[in-house]
Amino acid sequence: MSLTKQIAKQFTDVYFGGNWTAVNLKDTVLELTWQDATTKVYTFNTIVALVYHMNYYVGLVLKVMKGLPLDGHDKFSFNHPAVESQQQWDSLLEKVWADANEFSKLVEELPEEKLWQNLAAEKYGNYYRNITGIIEHNHYHLGQIILIKKLVRQKHEIGATNED
């Protein structure tokens, strides 16, 4: 298997399963309602905010891989649209799955020598650093989502309010 195919598989596994951690984003959020996903626990980000944040960087690099300029800023990475219905939550997830599939496909198709070229500009590092960084970043936030999900479920079970 080529290096780009292996990297694409690692990326896909975070989203859809098959990685060593035996957890993935899709299975983790599959049965969550929009209320679960927007429930605030302590000072943690909501699940909606984390899912949006994860996809923000995928979207930025995806655009670059499609030949568009890099146009984004870290300060906007948590500025998600309001999610006030199941349809809005489902739409966000559909976008995440579509972007993940497209991202994986484009990574797999990258010529290996492209991995060592700068992404947009030298200050951003090469494609390899950015793509593998996204994988690491998304594993990190997937762990947070799993913990927040457990806390949300516990909160619902004990009937606590959002102010806890």
Foldseek 3Di string as FASTA:
>chain_A
DDPLLVLLVLLVCQAPNDDPVRDHDCVLCVPPALCQQCQADDPDHGNVQLLQLLVVLLVQLLCLLVVHARDDDNVCSRVDDDDDHRVSVVVSVVVSVVSSVSSSVSSSPDDPVQQQDCRNDPVRGGNVCSSVVSSVSSVVSVVVSNVSSVVSVVCVVVVHDSVD
